[in-house]
Amino acid sequence: RRVKTMRKILSEKNMLNNFLKERAYRLSQISFRGTNLTHPLRNIRDLVYVGRITIGTPPQEFQVVFDTGSSDLWVPSDFCTSPACSAHVRFRHLQSSTFRPTNKTFRITYGSGRMKGVVAYDTVRIGDLVSTDQPFGLSMAEYGFKDMPFDGVLGLNYPNISSSGAIPIFDKLKNQGAISEPVFAFYFSKDKREGSVVMFGGVDHRYYKGELNWVPLIQAGGWIVHMDRISFERKVIACSGGCEALVDTGAPLIDGPKPLVDNIQKLIGATPRGSKYYVSCSEVSTLPSIIFTINGINYRLPARAYILKDSRGRCYTAFKEHRLSLPKEFWILGDVFLRRYFSVFDRGNDRIGLARAV
């Protein structure tokens, strides 16, 4: 015979909320009951990971980058005449019965391009997660995104980073109670097109080995952590007095200050050609690992992780200078790092969990 579950008994007595409140979640206990919160991502040439969302009623489908470096969701609009918009799927607002326009404009600059657009409201779906009346951006002009294999960007950073001032979709879902715990996590495959996922509301332990190492954020309001040092063959080669690092799922490479990146290229023995630094593919197996020490724990990146192949099969390094002028030494740990290390972004406790990906 069917026995009532603990959850059912408690919720009938209206005690479930109190029970859950008193037992504030511990991530070691969170695992999925089902797969509705695991959302597949497609790996495009190890350079970008895109996932499918829909906007509007009836739903219109878009491919977006789930980006911890920004907080806004946007897709191209019907009004946009930039070449980038013509090359991608545009949102047809007249075909959505739940669309609500505003005349609020905003602009965002990314490492790879920039856009300006207008804020609107509509229903957004990420798999089974539904956010009704979700504010999002419609681009009116885009620069630098023409050859990118995605239509738009879905920002997963904190609300205070939002360029449009709109509430990010993760916060809206969290406030609506659609997500059981305020966490999301990423697993990025290597070489394989399928198999990468973003998960919301919990952590699927099958995607990593060992324990999650927790790293507190420098401050609530951005996915930036303190890094102790970067070393190569037991010598500290960057971040010698400690530095800051953004854990960025929307960045393909590892970006740092120009003089330090130039020094790393020299140590690897890479030579510049165009915008990239190349090494001989036959030498990759002989190159040492580069070690990123974060919160006292060494995260080792072997050469096969930090050397990538271009479309002609030539080998280049995954280090790149960023163009940010900041008072402190600052690094961006992008997909090259996150392919090797499974990452959990814990909004409830303002920390990031890292563990060796399977």
Protein backbone atom coordinates (compact mmCIF):
# COMPACT_ATOMS: atom_id res chain seq x y z
CA ARG A 1 0.00 0.00 0.00
CA ARG A 2 1.10 3.56 -0.59
CA VAL A 3 2.43 5.33 2.45
CA LYS A 4 2.34 9.12 2.66
CA THR A 5 5.78 10.64 2.28
CA MET A 6 7.31 12.74 5.03
CA ARG A 7 7.06 15.73 2.66
CA LYS A 8 3.30 15.14 2.15
CA ILE A 9 2.55 14.77 5.86
CA LEU A 10 4.53 17.91 6.68
CA SER A 11 3.03 19.98 3.89
CA GLU A 12 -0.51 18.94 4.88
CA LYS A 13 0.21 20.25 8.35
CA ASN A 14 1.80 23.37 6.85
CA MET A 15 5.05 22.46 8.59
CA LEU A 16 7.14 21.83 5.49
CA ASN A 17 8.41 25.41 5.17
CA ASN A 18 9.43 25.54 8.84
CA PHE A 19 11.09 22.14 8.54
CA LEU A 20 13.09 23.29 5.49
CA LYS A 21 13.98 26.61 7.14
CA GLU A 22 15.29 24.94 10.28
CA ARG A 23 17.42 22.57 8.23
CA ALA A 24 19.22 25.13 6.08
CA TYR A 25 20.65 23.17 3.19
CA ARG A 26 24.06 21.59 3.15
CA LEU A 27 25.30 21.04 -0.36
CA SER A 28 26.64 17.59 0.42
CA GLN A 29 23.00 16.53 0.76
CA ILE A 30 21.71 18.14 -2.40
CA SER A 31 21.39 15.80 -5.27
CA PHE A 32 18.82 15.50 -7.97
CA ARG A 33 15.60 13.57 -7.68
CA GLY A 34 15.01 13.98 -11.40
CA THR A 35 16.67 15.42 -14.46
CA ASN A 36 14.39 18.40 -15.06
CA LEU A 37 16.96 20.81 -13.62
CA THR A 38 19.91 19.47 -15.60
CA HIS A 39 20.00 21.44 -18.82
CA PRO A 40 22.12 20.21 -21.75
CA LEU A 41 24.76 22.45 -23.34
CA ARG A 42 26.44 21.98 -26.70
CA ASN A 43 30.23 22.23 -26.87
CA ILE A 44 31.26 24.14 -30.00
CA ARG A 45 34.93 23.37 -30.79
CA ASP A 46 35.92 23.69 -27.10
CA LEU A 47 35.46 27.47 -27.47
CA VAL A 48 31.91 28.11 -26.34
CA TYR A 49 29.08 26.17 -24.67
CA VAL A 50 25.56 27.05 -25.73
CA GLY A 51 22.15 25.97 -24.42
CA ARG A 52 18.61 26.27 -25.67
CA ILE A 53 16.02 28.57 -24.11
CA THR A 54 12.67 29.81 -25.34
CA ILE A 55 11.06 33.24 -25.05
CA GLY A 56 7.43 34.22 -25.69
CA THR A 57 4.03 32.57 -26.19
CA PRO A 58 4.10 30.46 -28.31
CA PRO A 59 7.79 29.75 -27.49
CA GLN A 60 10.53 31.03 -29.83
CA GLU A 61 13.82 29.16 -29.51
CA PHE A 62 17.29 30.72 -29.00
CA GLN A 63 20.80 29.41 -28.42
CA VAL A 64 22.48 31.34 -25.58
CA VAL A 65 25.70 31.32 -23.58
CA PHE A 66 25.12 30.80 -19.83
CA ASP A 67 27.53 33.43 -18.57
CA THR A 68 28.70 33.92 -14.96
CA GLY A 69 30.58 37.06 -16.05
CA SER A 70 27.42 39.14 -16.70
CA SER A 71 23.87 39.44 -15.35
CA ASP A 72 21.63 40.31 -18.30
CA LEU A 73 19.65 38.06 -20.62
CA TRP A 74 19.35 39.38 -24.18
CA VAL A 75 18.64 38.14 -27.70
CA PRO A 76 18.53 39.94 -31.09
CA SER A 77 15.40 41.95 -31.88
CA ASP A 78 13.42 42.26 -35.10
CA PHE A 79 14.50 45.90 -35.29
CA CYS A 80 18.24 45.16 -35.27
CA THR A 81 19.93 45.65 -38.63
CA SER A 82 23.53 44.85 -37.57
CA PRO A 83 25.13 42.03 -39.62
CA ALA A 84 25.38 40.02 -36.37
CA CYS A 85 21.59 40.11 -35.93
CA SER A 86 20.95 39.06 -39.53
CA ALA A 87 23.16 36.01 -38.92
CA HIS A 88 21.18 34.90 -35.85
CA VAL A 89 17.63 34.14 -34.72
CA ARG A 90 15.72 37.34 -33.94
CA PHE A 91 12.85 37.65 -31.48
CA ARG A 92 9.56 38.38 -33.26
CA HIS A 93 7.76 40.33 -30.55
CA LEU A 94 4.53 40.71 -32.56
CA GLN A 95 4.10 36.93 -32.51
CA SER A 96 4.14 36.66 -28.71
CA SER A 97 0.89 37.18 -26.79
CA THR A 98 2.77 37.62 -23.47
CA PHE A 99 5.22 40.28 -24.71
CA ARG A 100 5.35 43.60 -22.83
CA PRO A 101 7.60 46.41 -24.14
CA THR A 102 9.33 49.26 -22.28
CA ASN A 103 11.34 52.20 -23.60
CA LYS A 104 14.26 51.66 -21.20
CA THR A 105 17.56 51.34 -23.11
CA PHE A 106 20.90 49.91 -21.97
CA ARG A 107 24.29 48.82 -23.35
CA ILE A 108 26.83 46.10 -22.45
CA THR A 109 30.47 45.66 -23.42
CA TYR A 110 31.92 42.14 -23.29
CA GLY A 111 35.45 40.90 -23.97
CA SER A 112 34.37 39.79 -27.45
CA GLY A 113 31.90 42.47 -28.49
CA ARG A 114 29.23 44.92 -27.42
CA MET A 115 25.52 45.48 -27.81
CA LYS A 116 22.88 48.09 -27.12
CA GLY A 117 19.26 47.31 -26.67
CA VAL A 118 15.93 47.89 -25.00
CA VAL A 119 14.34 46.14 -21.99
CA ALA A 120 11.15 44.10 -22.52
CA TYR A 121 9.16 41.49 -20.56
CA ASP A 122 8.00 38.03 -21.58
CA THR A 123 7.89 34.37 -20.51
CA VAL A 124 11.32 32.69 -20.57
CA ARG A 125 11.86 28.94 -20.30
CA ILE A 126 15.07 27.04 -19.54
CA GLY A 127 13.95 23.42 -19.94
CA ASP A 128 11.23 22.90 -17.32
CA LEU A 129 12.01 26.14 -15.47
CA VAL A 130 9.55 28.90 -16.38
CA SER A 131 9.96 32.59 -15.51
CA THR A 132 6.84 34.60 -16.36
CA ASP A 133 7.05 38.33 -17.02
CA GLN A 134 10.85 38.06 -17.06
CA PRO A 135 12.70 41.28 -17.98
CA PHE A 136 15.23 40.71 -20.79
CA GLY A 137 17.05 42.72 -23.42
CA LEU A 138 16.36 42.98 -27.14
CA SER A 139 19.45 44.09 -29.01
CA MET A 140 19.01 47.00 -31.42
CA ALA A 141 22.67 46.98 -32.48
CA GLU A 142 25.49 44.43 -32.02
CA TYR A 143 29.22 44.61 -32.74
CA GLY A 144 31.62 41.67 -32.75
CA PHE A 145 29.08 38.83 -32.54
CA LYS A 146 28.58 38.14 -36.25
CA ASP A 147 30.54 34.86 -36.37
CA MET A 148 29.59 33.71 -32.87
CA PRO A 149 27.63 30.43 -32.76
CA PHE A 150 25.03 31.80 -30.33
CA ASP A 151 22.09 34.20 -30.59
CA GLY A 152 22.36 35.87 -27.21
CA VAL A 153 23.65 35.72 -23.65
CA LEU A 154 22.03 34.59 -20.39
CA GLY A 155 23.83 36.25 -17.49
CA LEU A 156 24.17 34.37 -14.18
CA ASN A 157 26.10 36.96 -12.18
CA TYR A 158 24.67 38.91 -9.23
CA PRO A 159 21.85 41.46 -9.74
CA ASN A 160 24.07 44.44 -8.87
CA ILE A 161 26.18 43.75 -12.00
CA SER A 162 23.15 44.06 -14.31
CA SER A 163 23.65 46.71 -17.01
CA SER A 164 19.93 47.04 -17.67
CA GLY A 165 18.98 47.13 -14.00
CA ALA A 166 16.63 44.18 -14.65
CA ILE A 167 16.29 41.29 -12.19
CA PRO A 168 18.37 38.37 -13.55
CA ILE A 169 16.48 35.20 -14.45
CA PHE A 170 18.16 33.10 -11.72
CA ASP A 171 16.99 35.57 -9.04
CA LYS A 172 13.48 35.65 -10.45
CA LEU A 173 13.27 31.83 -10.52
CA LYS A 174 14.68 31.71 -6.99
CA ASN A 175 12.14 34.29 -5.75
CA GLN A 176 9.30 32.38 -7.45
CA GLY A 177 10.35 29.19 -5.63
CA ALA A 178 11.07 27.40 -8.93
CA ILE A 179 14.59 26.48 -7.74
CA SER A 180 14.86 24.45 -4.54
CA GLU A 181 18.32 25.70 -3.53
CA PRO A 182 20.05 28.92 -4.65
CA VAL A 183 22.85 27.13 -6.51
CA PHE A 184 23.79 26.26 -10.09
CA ALA A 185 26.68 24.24 -11.44
CA PHE A 186 28.55 23.55 -14.70
CA TYR A 187 30.13 20.51 -16.29
CA PHE A 188 31.99 21.18 -19.55
CA SER A 189 32.98 18.29 -21.81
CA LYS A 190 36.22 18.24 -23.77
CA ASP A 191 36.24 17.47 -27.52
CA LYS A 192 32.72 16.03 -27.33
CA ARG A 193 29.85 18.08 -28.73
CA GLU A 194 27.30 16.56 -26.34
CA GLY A 195 27.54 15.82 -22.62
CA SER A 196 28.02 19.31 -21.14
CA VAL A 197 25.38 20.55 -18.70
CA VAL A 198 24.31 23.44 -16.51
CA MET A 199 22.29 22.36 -13.45
CA PHE A 200 19.97 24.52 -11.37
CA GLY A 201 18.95 24.04 -7.76
CA GLY A 202 21.31 21.19 -6.92
CA VAL A 203 24.49 19.30 -7.71
CA ASP A 204 24.73 15.99 -9.52
CA HIS A 205 27.68 14.25 -7.87
CA ARG A 206 28.29 12.00 -10.88
CA TYR A 207 30.03 14.84 -12.70
CA TYR A 208 33.04 15.20 -10.38
CA LYS A 209 35.53 13.18 -8.35
CA GLY A 210 36.42 13.63 -4.69
CA GLU A 211 35.19 16.48 -2.53
CA LEU A 212 34.09 19.97 -3.55
CA ASN A 213 36.56 22.56 -2.30
CA TRP A 214 34.73 25.72 -1.25
CA VAL A 215 36.18 29.13 -2.02
CA PRO A 216 34.58 32.23 -0.47
CA LEU A 217 33.91 35.16 -2.80
CA ILE A 218 35.93 38.33 -2.19
CA GLN A 219 32.55 39.97 -1.72
CA ALA A 220 28.95 39.04 -2.35
CA GLY A 221 27.99 40.60 -5.66
CA GLY A 222 30.33 38.96 -8.18
CA TRP A 223 31.89 35.54 -8.88
CA ILE A 224 35.41 36.79 -8.00
CA VAL A 225 37.73 34.85 -5.67
CA HIS A 226 41.16 35.43 -4.19
CA MET A 227 43.89 33.41 -5.94
CA ASP A 228 47.14 32.76 -4.04
CA ARG A 229 49.54 32.33 -6.99
CA ILE A 230 50.15 30.81 -10.43
CA SER A 231 53.21 28.58 -10.72
CA PHE A 232 55.12 26.63 -13.37
CA GLU A 233 57.89 24.10 -12.62
CA ARG A 234 57.78 25.08 -8.92
CA LYS A 235 58.38 28.76 -9.71
CA VAL A 236 55.73 31.41 -9.10
CA ILE A 237 55.15 33.04 -12.50
CA ALA A 238 52.17 35.31 -11.79
CA CYS A 239 49.89 36.45 -8.97
CA SER A 240 52.94 36.40 -6.69
CA GLY A 241 51.41 38.50 -3.93
CA GLY A 242 47.94 37.06 -4.40
CA CYS A 243 45.42 38.43 -6.93
CA GLU A 244 41.76 38.34 -7.92
CA ALA A 245 40.17 35.89 -10.35
CA LEU A 246 36.74 35.91 -11.99
CA VAL A 247 35.36 32.40 -12.56
CA ASP A 248 33.74 33.01 -15.94
CA THR A 249 31.75 30.39 -17.86
CA GLY A 250 31.31 32.85 -20.74
CA ALA A 251 35.05 33.25 -21.40
CA PRO A 252 36.77 30.58 -23.52
CA LEU A 253 40.37 31.11 -22.35
CA ILE A 254 42.43 32.27 -19.37
CA ASP A 255 42.92 36.02 -19.51
CA GLY A 256 45.43 38.06 -17.52
CA PRO A 257 47.51 41.25 -17.56
CA LYS A 258 49.64 41.61 -20.71
CA PRO A 259 53.17 41.55 -19.15
CA LEU A 260 52.38 38.42 -17.13
CA VAL A 261 50.69 36.64 -20.04
CA ASP A 262 53.67 37.53 -22.30
CA ASN A 263 55.98 36.00 -19.69
CA ILE A 264 53.91 32.78 -19.56
CA GLN A 265 54.03 32.51 -23.38
CA LYS A 266 57.82 32.87 -23.20
CA LEU A 267 58.11 30.15 -20.51
CA ILE A 268 55.95 27.80 -22.60
CA GLY A 269 58.11 28.60 -25.63
CA ALA A 270 55.19 29.86 -27.72
CA THR A 271 55.65 32.18 -30.70
CA PRO A 272 53.12 34.83 -31.76
CA ARG A 273 51.27 34.51 -35.05
CA GLY A 274 48.34 36.88 -35.53
CA SER A 275 46.45 37.19 -32.27
CA LYS A 276 47.49 33.75 -30.96
CA TYR A 277 50.68 32.17 -29.57
CA TYR A 278 51.62 28.82 -31.14
CA VAL A 279 53.67 25.82 -30.06
CA SER A 280 54.61 22.71 -32.01
CA CYS A 281 51.93 20.06 -31.45
CA SER A 282 54.64 17.43 -30.99
CA GLU A 283 55.96 19.32 -27.94
CA VAL A 284 52.70 19.40 -25.99
CA SER A 285 53.44 16.15 -24.13
CA THR A 286 56.73 17.56 -22.85
CA LEU A 287 55.35 20.83 -21.45
CA PRO A 288 54.89 21.09 -17.65
CA SER A 289 51.58 21.74 -15.91
CA ILE A 290 50.62 25.22 -14.77
CA ILE A 291 49.28 25.34 -11.22
CA PHE A 292 46.64 27.79 -9.98
CA THR A 293 46.57 27.89 -6.18
CA ILE A 294 43.21 29.02 -4.82
CA ASN A 295 42.36 29.09 -1.11
CA GLY A 296 45.43 26.93 -0.40
CA ILE A 297 44.53 24.20 -2.90
CA ASN A 298 46.49 23.51 -6.10
CA TYR A 299 44.47 23.27 -9.31
CA ARG A 300 46.76 21.73 -11.88
CA LEU A 301 46.27 22.42 -15.60
CA PRO A 302 48.32 19.99 -17.70
CA ALA A 303 49.58 21.13 -21.10
CA ARG A 304 46.88 19.13 -22.90
CA ALA A 305 44.34 21.36 -21.08
CA TYR A 306 45.99 24.74 -21.78
CA ILE A 307 47.04 24.01 -25.39
CA LEU A 308 44.17 24.16 -27.92
CA LYS A 309 43.92 23.41 -31.64
CA ASP A 310 42.78 25.93 -34.25
CA SER A 311 40.67 25.05 -37.30
CA ARG A 312 43.83 24.00 -39.18
CA GLY A 313 44.93 21.65 -36.41
CA ARG A 314 47.77 23.90 -35.21
CA CYS A 315 48.42 24.13 -31.47
CA TYR A 316 48.10 27.43 -29.60
CA THR A 317 48.11 28.42 -25.93
CA ALA A 318 44.97 29.25 -23.97
CA PHE A 319 46.47 32.35 -22.34
CA LYS A 320 45.38 35.75 -23.55
CA GLU A 321 45.85 39.31 -22.37
CA HIS A 322 42.79 41.17 -21.15
CA ARG A 323 42.27 44.83 -21.90
CA LEU A 324 41.00 45.82 -18.49
CA SER A 325 42.82 48.61 -16.69
CA LEU A 326 42.50 47.66 -13.04
CA PRO A 327 44.44 48.73 -9.95
CA LYS A 328 44.90 45.08 -8.84
CA GLU A 329 46.27 42.08 -10.72
CA PHE A 330 43.22 40.35 -12.18
CA TRP A 331 42.70 37.04 -14.00
CA ILE A 332 39.72 35.50 -15.78
CA LEU A 333 39.44 31.73 -15.40
CA GLY A 334 37.34 30.67 -18.38
CA ASP A 335 36.29 27.39 -19.98
CA VAL A 336 39.89 26.10 -20.30
CA PHE A 337 40.01 25.95 -16.50
CA LEU A 338 36.37 24.89 -16.06
CA ARG A 339 36.64 21.89 -18.40
CA ARG A 340 39.10 20.43 -15.93
CA TYR A 341 37.26 21.55 -12.76
CA PHE A 342 33.54 21.10 -12.17
CA SER A 343 32.16 24.33 -10.70
CA VAL A 344 29.30 25.08 -8.29
CA PHE A 345 28.09 28.66 -7.87
CA ASP A 346 26.43 28.97 -4.46
CA ARG A 347 24.40 32.17 -4.18
CA GLY A 348 23.06 31.15 -0.77
CA ASN A 349 26.52 31.20 0.82
CA ASP A 350 28.43 33.50 -1.60
CA ARG A 351 31.03 30.91 -2.53
CA ILE A 352 32.23 28.73 -5.41
CA GLY A 353 32.85 25.00 -5.18
CA LEU A 354 35.52 23.36 -7.35
CA ALA A 355 36.28 19.66 -7.84
CA ARG A 356 38.06 17.58 -10.46
CA ALA A 357 35.59 16.97 -13.30
CA VAL A 358 35.06 13.35 -14.37
